[in-house]
C-alpha atoms as a PDB file:
ATOM      1  CA  UNK A   1      -8.437  11.851 -17.729  1.00  0.00           C
ATOM      2  CA  UNK A   2     -10.973  14.055 -15.981  1.00  0.00           C
ATOM      3  CA  UNK A   3     -13.977  12.206 -14.542  1.00  0.00           C
ATOM      4  CA  UNK A   4     -16.640  14.245 -12.777  1.00  0.00           C
ATOM      5  CA  UNK A   5     -14.168  16.977 -11.908  1.00  0.00           C
ATOM      6  CA  UNK A   6     -11.428  14.757 -10.495  1.00  0.00           C
ATOM      7  CA  UNK A   7      -8.318  13.385 -12.162  1.00  0.00           C
ATOM      8  CA  UNK A   8      -7.638   9.658 -12.226  1.00  0.00           C
ATOM      9  CA  UNK A   9      -4.232   8.085 -11.862  1.00  0.00           C
ATOM     10  CA  UNK A  10      -2.869   4.606 -12.437  1.00  0.00           C
ATOM     11  CA  UNK A  11      -1.327   2.986  -9.377  1.00  0.00           C
ATOM     12  CA  UNK A  12       1.158   0.160  -9.430  1.00  0.00           C
ATOM     13  CA  UNK A  13       4.147  -1.290  -7.639  1.00  0.00           C
ATOM     14  CA  UNK A  14       7.704  -2.122  -8.614  1.00  0.00           C
ATOM     15  CA  UNK A  15       9.972  -4.194  -6.420  1.00  0.00           C
ATOM     16  CA  UNK A  16      13.742  -4.170  -6.254  1.00  0.00           C
ATOM     17  CA  UNK A  17      16.250  -6.340  -4.469  1.00  0.00           C
ATOM     18  CA  UNK A  18      16.138  -9.926  -3.303  1.00  0.00           C
ATOM     19  CA  UNK A  19      12.477  -9.896  -2.188  1.00  0.00           C
ATOM     20  CA  UNK A  20      11.286  -6.983  -4.319  1.00  0.00           C
ATOM     21  CA  UNK A  21       9.057  -9.067  -6.553  1.00  0.00           C
ATOM     22  CA  UNK A  22       7.219 -10.490  -3.530  1.00  0.00           C
ATOM     23  CA  UNK A  23       6.649  -7.009  -2.093  1.00  0.00           C
ATOM     24  CA  UNK A  24       5.399  -5.668  -5.433  1.00  0.00           C
ATOM     25  CA  UNK A  25       2.973  -8.584  -5.712  1.00  0.00           C
ATOM     26  CA  UNK A  26       1.670  -8.019  -2.164  1.00  0.00           C
ATOM     27  CA  UNK A  27       1.174  -4.319  -2.850  1.00  0.00           C
ATOM     28  CA  UNK A  28      -0.559  -5.175  -6.119  1.00  0.00           C
ATOM     29  CA  UNK A  29      -3.038  -7.413  -4.275  1.00  0.00           C
ATOM     30  CA  UNK A  30      -3.989  -4.515  -2.024  1.00  0.00           C
ATOM     31  CA  UNK A  31      -4.259  -2.062  -4.907  1.00  0.00           C
ATOM     32  CA  UNK A  32      -6.586  -4.425  -6.776  1.00  0.00           C
ATOM     33  CA  UNK A  33      -8.707  -4.929  -3.629  1.00  0.00           C
ATOM     34  CA  UNK A  34      -9.029  -1.155  -3.283  1.00  0.00           C
ATOM     35  CA  UNK A  35      -9.874  -0.837  -6.984  1.00  0.00           C
ATOM     36  CA  UNK A  36     -12.887  -3.133  -6.500  1.00  0.00           C
ATOM     37  CA  UNK A  37     -14.385  -0.784  -3.868  1.00  0.00           C
ATOM     38  CA  UNK A  38     -13.187   2.798  -4.272  1.00  0.00           C
ATOM     39  CA  UNK A  39     -14.923   4.313  -1.272  1.00  0.00           C
ATOM     40  CA  UNK A  40     -11.778   6.026   0.056  1.00  0.00           C
ATOM     41  CA  UNK A  41      -8.431   7.002  -1.452  1.00  0.00           C
ATOM     42  CA  UNK A  42      -5.613   4.552  -0.699  1.00  0.00           C
ATOM     43  CA  UNK A  43      -2.947   5.515   1.797  1.00  0.00           C
ATOM     44  CA  UNK A  44       0.438   3.904   2.382  1.00  0.00           C
ATOM     45  CA  UNK A  45       2.291   4.834   5.576  1.00  0.00           C
ATOM     46  CA  UNK A  46       5.840   3.641   6.286  1.00  0.00           C
ATOM     47  CA  UNK A  47       7.113   2.953   9.808  1.00  0.00           C
ATOM     48  CA  UNK A  48      10.597   1.922  10.942  1.00  0.00           C
ATOM     49  CA  UNK A  49      11.199  -1.799  11.388  1.00  0.00           C
ATOM     50  CA  UNK A  50      10.322  -2.938  14.883  1.00  0.00           C
ATOM     51  CA  UNK A  51       7.616  -0.318  15.467  1.00  0.00           C
ATOM     52  CA  UNK A  52       5.143  -1.991  17.858  1.00  0.00           C
ATOM     53  CA  UNK A  53       1.672  -2.800  16.519  1.00  0.00           C
ATOM     54  CA  UNK A  54       0.018  -0.430  18.984  1.00  0.00           C
ATOM     55  CA  UNK A  55       2.021   2.504  17.543  1.00  0.00           C
ATOM     56  CA  UNK A  56       0.988   2.044  13.917  1.00  0.00           C
ATOM     57  CA  UNK A  57      -2.245   2.865  12.112  1.00  0.00           C
ATOM     58  CA  UNK A  58      -4.763   0.097  11.552  1.00  0.00           C
ATOM     59  CA  UNK A  59      -4.795  -1.398   8.081  1.00  0.00           C
ATOM     60  CA  UNK A  60      -3.091  -4.099   6.052  1.00  0.00           C
ATOM     61  CA  UNK A  61       0.503  -4.395   7.339  1.00  0.00           C
ATOM     62  CA  UNK A  62       3.393  -5.550   5.180  1.00  0.00           C
ATOM     63  CA  UNK A  63       6.433  -6.126   7.374  1.00  0.00           C
ATOM     64  CA  UNK A  64       9.868  -5.949   5.764  1.00  0.00           C
ATOM     65  CA  UNK A  65      13.312  -6.119   7.412  1.00  0.00           C
ATOM     66  CA  UNK A  66      13.796  -2.381   6.866  1.00  0.00           C
ATOM     67  CA  UNK A  67      10.317  -1.195   7.792  1.00  0.00           C
ATOM     68  CA  UNK A  68       6.585  -1.758   8.011  1.00  0.00           C
ATOM     69  CA  UNK A  69       4.112  -0.522   5.414  1.00  0.00           C
ATOM     70  CA  UNK A  70       0.483   0.041   6.404  1.00  0.00           C
ATOM     71  CA  UNK A  71      -2.048   0.240   3.591  1.00  0.00           C
ATOM     72  CA  UNK A  72      -5.510   1.638   4.230  1.00  0.00           C
ATOM     73  CA  UNK A  73      -8.425   2.408   1.946  1.00  0.00           C
END
């Protein structure tokens, strides 16, 4: 769909593995929060597990055993 010169896309999350459903639900919460106030495009940045807080971007952090996801919008 083309709205005012820009394309729109559907965002979602799928989780796999033992805790995949929980991660997908947590990502979905953030996507819905962004959808309510679309002032900026969403961004998801992945960092290795154990990366100190001071070395990651500010935003909503989802920590997993294998890494840390930072969601900003």
